[in-house]
Amino acid sequence: MKSNLTLIGMPGAGKSTIGIILAKLLSYGFIDTDILIQINEKKPLQRIIDESDYRNLRKIEEREIIKINLTNHIIATGGSAVYSEKAMTHMQKISSILFLRVGYEEINRRIHNFESRGIAKAKNQTFRELYDERQVLYNKYAEMTIDCDDLDQEETAQFIVQKIFDK
């Protein structure tokens, strides 16, 4: 196990909340790359997309991710981080990558602000198309996958601690 753990998955999968719980349980630091982008760009993700496009948000995301050089952190990436091979290769070097898999129906139930949430997707792309496209990429980069459909966020974090950290 590398010194960091990176959580990948769809928007609404619980990466940020589970990441915070894990950081507390393990006495690790926590970084949410979406928050990092918003702090450094001084604007919400959706505004970045509205003012340019989703590809620009992905470029900014890649730039922020490859700057990360920490140890003993839980890192929650934006759902689109997996589009950047450069960013994901960097994450593989500094962390173990865990895919929080949540089924389409459950993600669809959780996300109510699909159009305003700052999701990096093509204009005419449906949420289903985005979901299917990203599953391939999450599976490509994940060292381990956790099925989260039947677990709440606290249970998911506990499961990860037991499975990975043997605590």
N, C-alpha and C. Protein backbone atom coordinates (compact mmCIF):
# COMPACT_ATOMS: atom_id res chain seq x y z
N MET A 1 0.84 -1.18 0.00
CA MET A 1 0.00 0.00 0.00
C MET A 1 0.88 1.25 0.00
N LYS A 2 0.62 2.14 -0.96
CA LYS A 2 1.35 3.40 -1.02
C LYS A 2 0.86 4.32 0.11
N SER A 3 1.53 5.42 0.32
CA SER A 3 1.21 6.27 1.47
C SER A 3 -0.08 7.08 1.32
N ASN A 4 -0.61 7.17 0.10
CA ASN A 4 -1.86 7.88 -0.14
C ASN A 4 -2.89 6.92 -0.70
N LEU A 5 -4.16 7.29 -0.57
CA LEU A 5 -5.26 6.54 -1.17
C LEU A 5 -6.08 7.52 -1.98
N THR A 6 -6.25 7.24 -3.27
CA THR A 6 -7.04 8.09 -4.15
C THR A 6 -8.37 7.42 -4.44
N LEU A 7 -9.45 8.18 -4.27
CA LEU A 7 -10.79 7.68 -4.55
C LEU A 7 -11.26 8.23 -5.88
N ILE A 8 -11.68 7.32 -6.77
CA ILE A 8 -12.24 7.72 -8.06
C ILE A 8 -13.65 7.17 -8.17
N GLY A 9 -14.44 7.79 -9.04
CA GLY A 9 -15.80 7.34 -9.25
C GLY A 9 -16.67 8.47 -9.77
N MET A 10 -17.91 8.14 -10.04
CA MET A 10 -18.86 9.10 -10.58
C MET A 10 -19.18 10.20 -9.57
N PRO A 11 -19.62 11.37 -10.08
CA PRO A 11 -20.19 12.36 -9.17
C PRO A 11 -21.35 11.70 -8.43
N GLY A 12 -21.42 11.92 -7.15
CA GLY A 12 -22.49 11.31 -6.36
C GLY A 12 -22.12 9.97 -5.77
N ALA A 13 -20.92 9.47 -6.06
CA ALA A 13 -20.50 8.17 -5.52
C ALA A 13 -20.11 8.26 -4.04
N GLY A 14 -19.85 9.48 -3.57
CA GLY A 14 -19.51 9.66 -2.16
C GLY A 14 -18.02 9.84 -1.91
N LYS A 15 -17.26 10.15 -2.95
CA LYS A 15 -15.80 10.26 -2.80
C LYS A 15 -15.38 11.25 -1.71
N SER A 16 -15.99 12.42 -1.72
CA SER A 16 -15.60 13.45 -0.74
C SER A 16 -15.99 13.06 0.68
N THR A 17 -17.23 12.65 0.85
CA THR A 17 -17.70 12.30 2.20
C THR A 17 -16.95 11.09 2.74
N ILE A 18 -16.81 10.05 1.93
CA ILE A 18 -16.09 8.85 2.34
C ILE A 18 -14.62 9.19 2.60
N GLY A 19 -14.06 10.07 1.76
CA GLY A 19 -12.68 10.50 1.94
C GLY A 19 -12.45 11.19 3.27
N ILE A 20 -13.38 12.05 3.67
CA ILE A 20 -13.26 12.75 4.96
C ILE A 20 -13.36 11.75 6.11
N ILE A 21 -14.29 10.81 6.01
CA ILE A 21 -14.44 9.79 7.05
C ILE A 21 -13.16 8.95 7.15
N LEU A 22 -12.63 8.53 6.00
CA LEU A 22 -11.38 7.75 5.99
C LEU A 22 -10.23 8.54 6.61
N ALA A 23 -10.12 9.81 6.25
CA ALA A 23 -9.04 10.65 6.79
C ALA A 23 -9.12 10.70 8.31
N LYS A 24 -10.32 10.83 8.83
CA LYS A 24 -10.50 10.87 10.30
C LYS A 24 -10.14 9.52 10.92
N LEU A 25 -10.62 8.43 10.31
CA LEU A 25 -10.36 7.10 10.86
C LEU A 25 -8.88 6.75 10.86
N LEU A 26 -8.16 7.22 9.84
CA LEU A 26 -6.76 6.85 9.66
C LEU A 26 -5.77 7.92 10.12
N SER A 27 -6.28 9.05 10.59
CA SER A 27 -5.42 10.19 10.95
C SER A 27 -4.58 10.63 9.75
N TYR A 28 -5.25 10.71 8.58
CA TYR A 28 -4.63 11.16 7.34
C TYR A 28 -5.13 12.56 7.02
N GLY A 29 -4.43 13.23 6.13
CA GLY A 29 -4.94 14.47 5.57
C GLY A 29 -5.97 14.15 4.50
N PHE A 30 -6.71 15.16 4.07
CA PHE A 30 -7.73 14.96 3.03
C PHE A 30 -7.65 16.09 2.00
N ILE A 31 -7.71 15.70 0.73
CA ILE A 31 -7.75 16.68 -0.36
C ILE A 31 -8.85 16.29 -1.33
N ASP A 32 -9.66 17.25 -1.70
CA ASP A 32 -10.69 17.07 -2.73
C ASP A 32 -10.22 17.91 -3.92
N THR A 33 -9.90 17.27 -5.04
CA THR A 33 -9.32 18.02 -6.16
C THR A 33 -10.32 19.01 -6.76
N ASP A 34 -11.62 18.75 -6.65
CA ASP A 34 -12.60 19.73 -7.12
C ASP A 34 -12.51 21.02 -6.30
N ILE A 35 -12.34 20.88 -4.99
CA ILE A 35 -12.20 22.06 -4.12
C ILE A 35 -10.90 22.78 -4.43
N LEU A 36 -9.84 22.01 -4.66
CA LEU A 36 -8.54 22.59 -5.03
C LEU A 36 -8.68 23.45 -6.28
N ILE A 37 -9.38 22.93 -7.28
CA ILE A 37 -9.61 23.68 -8.52
C ILE A 37 -10.37 24.98 -8.23
N GLN A 38 -11.45 24.86 -7.45
CA GLN A 38 -12.27 26.04 -7.15
C GLN A 38 -11.49 27.10 -6.38
N ILE A 39 -10.64 26.67 -5.46
CA ILE A 39 -9.81 27.62 -4.70
C ILE A 39 -8.82 28.32 -5.63
N ASN A 40 -8.12 27.54 -6.43
CA ASN A 40 -7.07 28.11 -7.28
C ASN A 40 -7.63 28.91 -8.46
N GLU A 41 -8.80 28.53 -8.95
CA GLU A 41 -9.42 29.26 -10.07
C GLU A 41 -10.34 30.38 -9.57
N LYS A 42 -10.65 30.36 -8.26
CA LYS A 42 -11.51 31.36 -7.63
C LYS A 42 -12.92 31.40 -8.24
N LYS A 43 -13.42 30.21 -8.62
CA LYS A 43 -14.77 30.12 -9.15
C LYS A 43 -15.26 28.68 -9.10
N PRO A 44 -16.57 28.50 -9.06
CA PRO A 44 -17.11 27.13 -9.05
C PRO A 44 -16.84 26.40 -10.37
N LEU A 45 -16.86 25.08 -10.31
CA LEU A 45 -16.60 24.26 -11.50
C LEU A 45 -17.57 24.59 -12.63
N GLN A 46 -18.85 24.76 -12.30
CA GLN A 46 -19.84 25.03 -13.34
C GLN A 46 -19.53 26.34 -14.06
N ARG A 47 -19.04 27.34 -13.33
CA ARG A 47 -18.71 28.61 -13.98
C ARG A 47 -17.52 28.45 -14.92
N ILE A 48 -16.56 27.60 -14.55
CA ILE A 48 -15.43 27.32 -15.44
C ILE A 48 -15.95 26.73 -16.75
N ILE A 49 -16.87 25.78 -16.64
CA ILE A 49 -17.46 25.16 -17.83
C ILE A 49 -18.25 26.19 -18.63
N ASP A 50 -19.07 26.99 -17.96
CA ASP A 50 -19.91 27.98 -18.64
C ASP A 50 -19.07 29.03 -19.36
N GLU A 51 -17.94 29.42 -18.77
CA GLU A 51 -17.10 30.47 -19.35
C GLU A 51 -16.17 29.95 -20.44
N SER A 52 -15.93 28.65 -20.47
CA SER A 52 -15.08 28.07 -21.52
C SER A 52 -15.78 26.83 -22.05
N ASP A 53 -15.37 25.66 -21.55
CA ASP A 53 -16.08 24.41 -21.86
C ASP A 53 -15.55 23.31 -20.96
N TYR A 54 -16.14 22.13 -21.08
CA TYR A 54 -15.76 21.01 -20.21
C TYR A 54 -14.32 20.57 -20.44
N ARG A 55 -13.81 20.75 -21.66
CA ARG A 55 -12.42 20.34 -21.92
C ARG A 55 -11.44 21.21 -21.14
N ASN A 56 -11.76 22.48 -21.01
CA ASN A 56 -10.91 23.39 -20.23
C ASN A 56 -10.89 22.96 -18.76
N LEU A 57 -12.05 22.59 -18.23
CA LEU A 57 -12.09 22.11 -16.85
C LEU A 57 -11.22 20.87 -16.69
N ARG A 58 -11.26 19.97 -17.66
CA ARG A 58 -10.42 18.77 -17.59
C ARG A 58 -8.93 19.12 -17.63
N LYS A 59 -8.55 20.14 -18.42
CA LYS A 59 -7.14 20.57 -18.47
C LYS A 59 -6.71 21.14 -17.12
N ILE A 60 -7.58 21.96 -16.53
CA ILE A 60 -7.28 22.54 -15.21
C ILE A 60 -7.16 21.42 -14.18
N GLU A 61 -8.06 20.46 -14.26
CA GLU A 61 -8.05 19.33 -13.33
C GLU A 61 -6.73 18.56 -13.44
N GLU A 62 -6.29 18.29 -14.66
CA GLU A 62 -5.02 17.60 -14.87
C GLU A 62 -3.87 18.39 -14.25
N ARG A 63 -3.84 19.67 -14.50
CA ARG A 63 -2.77 20.54 -13.98
C ARG A 63 -2.72 20.49 -12.45
N GLU A 64 -3.88 20.57 -11.81
CA GLU A 64 -3.93 20.55 -10.34
C GLU A 64 -3.51 19.20 -9.79
N ILE A 65 -3.94 18.12 -10.43
CA ILE A 65 -3.63 16.78 -9.94
C ILE A 65 -2.13 16.49 -10.03
N ILE A 66 -1.51 16.87 -11.13
CA ILE A 66 -0.09 16.53 -11.27
C ILE A 66 0.80 17.38 -10.36
N LYS A 67 0.24 18.42 -9.73
CA LYS A 67 0.99 19.21 -8.75
C LYS A 67 0.96 18.57 -7.35
N ILE A 68 0.07 17.62 -7.14
CA ILE A 68 -0.07 17.02 -5.81
C ILE A 68 1.16 16.18 -5.49
N ASN A 69 1.78 16.49 -4.36
CA ASN A 69 2.97 15.76 -3.92
C ASN A 69 2.91 15.67 -2.40
N LEU A 70 2.14 14.72 -1.89
CA LEU A 70 1.88 14.59 -0.47
C LEU A 70 2.07 13.15 -0.04
N THR A 71 2.10 12.95 1.27
CA THR A 71 2.06 11.60 1.81
C THR A 71 0.97 11.55 2.88
N ASN A 72 0.49 10.35 3.15
CA ASN A 72 -0.53 10.11 4.18
C ASN A 72 -1.77 10.97 3.99
N HIS A 73 -2.31 10.92 2.78
CA HIS A 73 -3.52 11.67 2.45
C HIS A 73 -4.53 10.76 1.75
N ILE A 74 -5.78 11.10 1.96
CA ILE A 74 -6.88 10.56 1.16
C ILE A 74 -7.17 11.63 0.13
N ILE A 75 -7.20 11.25 -1.14
CA ILE A 75 -7.41 12.21 -2.22
C ILE A 75 -8.68 11.81 -2.96
N ALA A 76 -9.65 12.71 -2.98
CA ALA A 76 -10.88 12.50 -3.73
C ALA A 76 -10.76 13.30 -5.02
N THR A 77 -10.78 12.61 -6.14
CA THR A 77 -10.66 13.31 -7.42
C THR A 77 -12.04 13.69 -7.94
N GLY A 78 -12.04 14.62 -8.87
CA GLY A 78 -13.27 14.88 -9.61
C GLY A 78 -13.57 13.66 -10.46
N GLY A 79 -14.82 13.48 -10.81
CA GLY A 79 -15.22 12.30 -11.59
C GLY A 79 -14.56 12.20 -12.95
N SER A 80 -14.07 13.32 -13.46
CA SER A 80 -13.48 13.31 -14.81
C SER A 80 -11.96 13.19 -14.81
N ALA A 81 -11.34 13.04 -13.65
CA ALA A 81 -9.88 12.92 -13.59
C ALA A 81 -9.36 11.79 -14.46
N VAL A 82 -10.17 10.75 -14.61
CA VAL A 82 -9.73 9.56 -15.36
C VAL A 82 -9.59 9.80 -16.86
N TYR A 83 -10.03 10.96 -17.35
CA TYR A 83 -9.82 11.27 -18.76
C TYR A 83 -8.38 11.67 -19.05
N SER A 84 -7.62 11.98 -18.01
CA SER A 84 -6.23 12.39 -18.20
C SER A 84 -5.29 11.26 -17.82
N GLU A 85 -4.65 10.69 -18.82
CA GLU A 85 -3.68 9.64 -18.56
C GLU A 85 -2.51 10.18 -17.74
N LYS A 86 -2.11 11.42 -18.03
CA LYS A 86 -1.01 12.04 -17.29
C LYS A 86 -1.36 12.18 -15.80
N ALA A 87 -2.56 12.65 -15.51
CA ALA A 87 -2.99 12.81 -14.11
C ALA A 87 -3.08 11.45 -13.42
N MET A 88 -3.64 10.47 -14.09
CA MET A 88 -3.83 9.16 -13.46
C MET A 88 -2.51 8.42 -13.28
N THR A 89 -1.58 8.61 -14.20
CA THR A 89 -0.25 8.02 -14.04
C THR A 89 0.44 8.62 -12.82
N HIS A 90 0.28 9.93 -12.65
CA HIS A 90 0.84 10.59 -11.46
C HIS A 90 0.20 10.02 -10.19
N MET A 91 -1.13 9.86 -10.20
CA MET A 91 -1.81 9.34 -9.02
C MET A 91 -1.36 7.91 -8.72
N GLN A 92 -1.13 7.11 -9.76
CA GLN A 92 -0.66 5.73 -9.56
C GLN A 92 0.72 5.71 -8.91
N LYS A 93 1.55 6.71 -9.20
CA LYS A 93 2.89 6.78 -8.61
C LYS A 93 2.84 7.11 -7.12
N ILE A 94 1.91 8.00 -6.74
CA ILE A 94 1.91 8.50 -5.36
C ILE A 94 0.84 7.88 -4.47
N SER A 95 -0.05 7.07 -5.06
CA SER A 95 -1.14 6.53 -4.25
C SER A 95 -1.68 5.22 -4.79
N SER A 96 -2.45 4.57 -3.95
CA SER A 96 -3.25 3.42 -4.39
C SER A 96 -4.60 3.97 -4.82
N ILE A 97 -5.14 3.44 -5.92
CA ILE A 97 -6.38 3.99 -6.49
C ILE A 97 -7.53 3.03 -6.24
N LEU A 98 -8.58 3.60 -5.66
CA LEU A 98 -9.76 2.83 -5.28
C LEU A 98 -10.98 3.39 -6.00
N PHE A 99 -11.67 2.54 -6.73
CA PHE A 99 -12.88 2.92 -7.47
C PHE A 99 -14.10 2.65 -6.59
N LEU A 100 -14.84 3.71 -6.27
CA LEU A 100 -16.10 3.58 -5.53
C LEU A 100 -17.20 3.41 -6.57
N ARG A 101 -17.55 2.15 -6.83
CA ARG A 101 -18.54 1.87 -7.88
C ARG A 101 -19.95 1.94 -7.30
N VAL A 102 -20.76 2.74 -7.96
CA VAL A 102 -22.17 2.85 -7.61
C VAL A 102 -22.95 2.67 -8.89
N GLY A 103 -23.98 1.84 -8.86
CA GLY A 103 -24.78 1.56 -10.06
C GLY A 103 -25.46 2.80 -10.61
N TYR A 104 -25.78 2.75 -11.89
CA TYR A 104 -26.38 3.90 -12.57
C TYR A 104 -27.66 4.38 -11.89
N GLU A 105 -28.54 3.45 -11.54
CA GLU A 105 -29.82 3.84 -10.95
C GLU A 105 -29.61 4.59 -9.64
N GLU A 106 -28.67 4.12 -8.82
CA GLU A 106 -28.40 4.76 -7.53
C GLU A 106 -27.76 6.13 -7.74
N ILE A 107 -26.80 6.25 -8.65
CA ILE A 107 -26.18 7.55 -8.94
C ILE A 107 -27.25 8.52 -9.45
N ASN A 108 -28.07 8.05 -10.33
CA ASN A 108 -29.13 8.89 -10.90
C ASN A 108 -30.09 9.37 -9.80
N ARG A 109 -30.34 8.53 -8.82
CA ARG A 109 -31.21 8.89 -7.71
C ARG A 109 -30.54 9.97 -6.83
N ARG A 110 -29.23 9.84 -6.66
CA ARG A 110 -28.49 10.76 -5.78
C ARG A 110 -28.27 12.14 -6.38
N ILE A 111 -28.11 12.23 -7.71
CA ILE A 111 -27.76 13.50 -8.34
C ILE A 111 -29.02 14.19 -8.85
N HIS A 112 -29.28 15.36 -8.29
CA HIS A 112 -30.46 16.12 -8.69
C HIS A 112 -30.08 17.37 -9.48
N ASN A 113 -28.81 17.70 -9.46
CA ASN A 113 -28.36 18.94 -10.10
C ASN A 113 -27.38 18.64 -11.23
N PHE A 114 -27.72 17.68 -12.06
CA PHE A 114 -26.84 17.21 -13.13
C PHE A 114 -26.37 18.36 -14.02
N GLU A 115 -27.26 19.27 -14.37
CA GLU A 115 -26.91 20.35 -15.31
C GLU A 115 -26.13 21.49 -14.67
N SER A 116 -26.16 21.61 -13.33
CA SER A 116 -25.49 22.75 -12.69
C SER A 116 -24.38 22.33 -11.72
N ARG A 117 -24.06 21.05 -11.68
CA ARG A 117 -23.10 20.53 -10.70
C ARG A 117 -21.64 20.73 -11.10
N GLY A 118 -21.38 21.13 -12.32
CA GLY A 118 -19.99 21.28 -12.76
C GLY A 118 -19.40 19.97 -13.24
N ILE A 119 -20.23 19.17 -13.89
CA ILE A 119 -19.78 17.87 -14.41
C ILE A 119 -19.20 18.08 -15.81
N ALA A 120 -17.96 17.64 -15.99
CA ALA A 120 -17.25 17.82 -17.26
C ALA A 120 -17.75 16.81 -18.29
N LYS A 121 -18.70 17.25 -19.11
CA LYS A 121 -19.28 16.38 -20.14
C LYS A 121 -19.62 17.20 -21.38
N ALA A 122 -19.72 16.50 -22.50
CA ALA A 122 -20.11 17.17 -23.75
C ALA A 122 -21.55 17.67 -23.63
N LYS A 123 -21.86 18.76 -24.34
CA LYS A 123 -23.18 19.40 -24.24
C LYS A 123 -24.36 18.44 -24.42
N ASN A 124 -24.31 17.62 -25.45
CA ASN A 124 -25.45 16.75 -25.76
C ASN A 124 -25.34 15.36 -25.15
N GLN A 125 -24.33 15.13 -24.34
CA GLN A 125 -24.12 13.82 -23.75
C GLN A 125 -25.11 13.59 -22.60
N THR A 126 -25.79 12.45 -22.63
CA THR A 126 -26.71 12.13 -21.55
C THR A 126 -25.92 11.62 -20.34
N PHE A 127 -26.58 11.64 -19.21
CA PHE A 127 -25.92 11.15 -18.00
C PHE A 127 -25.61 9.66 -18.14
N ARG A 128 -26.50 8.92 -18.78
CA ARG A 128 -26.26 7.48 -18.99
C ARG A 128 -25.03 7.25 -19.86
N GLU A 129 -24.91 8.03 -20.93
CA GLU A 129 -23.74 7.91 -21.82
C GLU A 129 -22.45 8.23 -21.06
N LEU A 130 -22.51 9.29 -20.26
CA LEU A 130 -21.36 9.68 -19.46
C LEU A 130 -20.99 8.57 -18.47
N TYR A 131 -22.00 8.03 -17.80
CA TYR A 131 -21.80 6.95 -16.83
C TYR A 131 -21.11 5.76 -17.50
N ASP A 132 -21.65 5.31 -18.63
CA ASP A 132 -21.10 4.14 -19.32
C ASP A 132 -19.67 4.40 -19.80
N GLU A 133 -19.42 5.58 -20.33
CA GLU A 133 -18.09 5.95 -20.82
C GLU A 133 -17.06 5.93 -19.69
N ARG A 134 -17.43 6.47 -18.55
CA ARG A 134 -16.49 6.58 -17.44
C ARG A 134 -16.24 5.25 -16.73
N GLN A 135 -17.20 4.34 -16.73
CA GLN A 135 -16.99 3.06 -16.05
C GLN A 135 -15.76 2.35 -16.59
N VAL A 136 -15.57 2.41 -17.89
CA VAL A 136 -14.42 1.78 -18.55
C VAL A 136 -13.12 2.39 -18.00
N LEU A 137 -13.09 3.71 -17.88
CA LEU A 137 -11.89 4.40 -17.41
C LEU A 137 -11.64 4.15 -15.93
N TYR A 138 -12.69 4.15 -15.12
CA TYR A 138 -12.50 3.86 -13.69
C TYR A 138 -11.92 2.46 -13.51
N ASN A 139 -12.45 1.51 -14.25
CA ASN A 139 -11.94 0.13 -14.16
C ASN A 139 -10.50 0.03 -14.64
N LYS A 140 -10.14 0.83 -15.64
CA LYS A 140 -8.78 0.82 -16.18
C LYS A 140 -7.75 1.21 -15.12
N TYR A 141 -8.07 2.23 -14.31
CA TYR A 141 -7.09 2.77 -13.37
C TYR A 141 -7.20 2.21 -11.95
N ALA A 142 -8.31 1.60 -11.61
CA ALA A 142 -8.52 1.15 -10.23
C ALA A 142 -7.64 -0.04 -9.88
N GLU A 143 -7.01 0.04 -8.73
CA GLU A 143 -6.29 -1.11 -8.18
C GLU A 143 -7.25 -1.99 -7.39
N MET A 144 -8.31 -1.36 -6.90
CA MET A 144 -9.33 -2.09 -6.16
C MET A 144 -10.67 -1.39 -6.40
N THR A 145 -11.74 -2.18 -6.44
CA THR A 145 -13.08 -1.64 -6.63
C THR A 145 -13.94 -2.02 -5.44
N ILE A 146 -14.68 -1.04 -4.94
CA ILE A 146 -15.62 -1.28 -3.84
C ILE A 146 -17.02 -1.02 -4.38
N ASP A 147 -17.90 -2.02 -4.30
CA ASP A 147 -19.30 -1.82 -4.68
C ASP A 147 -20.03 -1.14 -3.53
N CYS A 148 -20.52 0.05 -3.80
CA CYS A 148 -21.08 0.90 -2.74
C CYS A 148 -22.61 0.97 -2.74
N ASP A 149 -23.26 0.26 -3.63
CA ASP A 149 -24.72 0.36 -3.73
C ASP A 149 -25.44 0.03 -2.43
N ASP A 150 -24.99 -1.00 -1.72
CA ASP A 150 -25.69 -1.45 -0.52
C ASP A 150 -25.03 -0.99 0.77
N LEU A 151 -24.09 -0.05 0.67
CA LEU A 151 -23.39 0.45 1.86
C LEU A 151 -23.61 1.95 1.97
N ASP A 152 -23.82 2.45 3.19
CA ASP A 152 -23.83 3.90 3.34
C ASP A 152 -22.37 4.36 3.42
N GLN A 153 -22.17 5.66 3.51
CA GLN A 153 -20.81 6.20 3.44
C GLN A 153 -19.95 5.76 4.62
N GLU A 154 -20.53 5.72 5.80
CA GLU A 154 -19.80 5.27 6.99
C GLU A 154 -19.40 3.79 6.84
N GLU A 155 -20.33 2.97 6.38
CA GLU A 155 -20.05 1.53 6.18
C GLU A 155 -18.98 1.33 5.12
N THR A 156 -19.04 2.14 4.07
CA THR A 156 -18.04 2.05 3.00
C THR A 156 -16.65 2.37 3.54
N ALA A 157 -16.56 3.44 4.32
CA ALA A 157 -15.27 3.83 4.90
C ALA A 157 -14.74 2.74 5.83
N GLN A 158 -15.60 2.19 6.67
CA GLN A 158 -15.19 1.11 7.58
C GLN A 158 -14.71 -0.11 6.79
N PHE A 159 -15.42 -0.45 5.73
CA PHE A 159 -15.05 -1.58 4.89
C PHE A 159 -13.66 -1.36 4.28
N ILE A 160 -13.41 -0.15 3.79
CA ILE A 160 -12.10 0.17 3.18
C ILE A 160 -10.99 0.05 4.22
N VAL A 161 -11.23 0.58 5.40
CA VAL A 161 -10.20 0.51 6.47
C VAL A 161 -9.89 -0.95 6.78
N GLN A 162 -10.91 -1.77 6.91
CA GLN A 162 -10.69 -3.19 7.22
C GLN A 162 -10.01 -3.92 6.08
N LYS A 163 -10.46 -3.66 4.86
CA LYS A 163 -9.95 -4.38 3.69
C LYS A 163 -8.51 -3.97 3.33
N ILE A 164 -8.26 -2.69 3.35
CA ILE A 164 -6.97 -2.19 2.88
C ILE A 164 -5.95 -2.01 4.02
N PHE A 165 -6.41 -1.48 5.13
CA PHE A 165 -5.49 -1.14 6.20
C PHE A 165 -5.47 -2.18 7.31
N ASP A 166 -6.35 -3.16 7.20
CA ASP A 166 -6.38 -4.28 8.14
C ASP A 166 -6.47 -3.80 9.59
N LYS A 167 -7.34 -2.79 9.81
CA LYS A 167 -7.50 -2.24 11.17
C LYS A 167 -8.87 -2.58 11.71
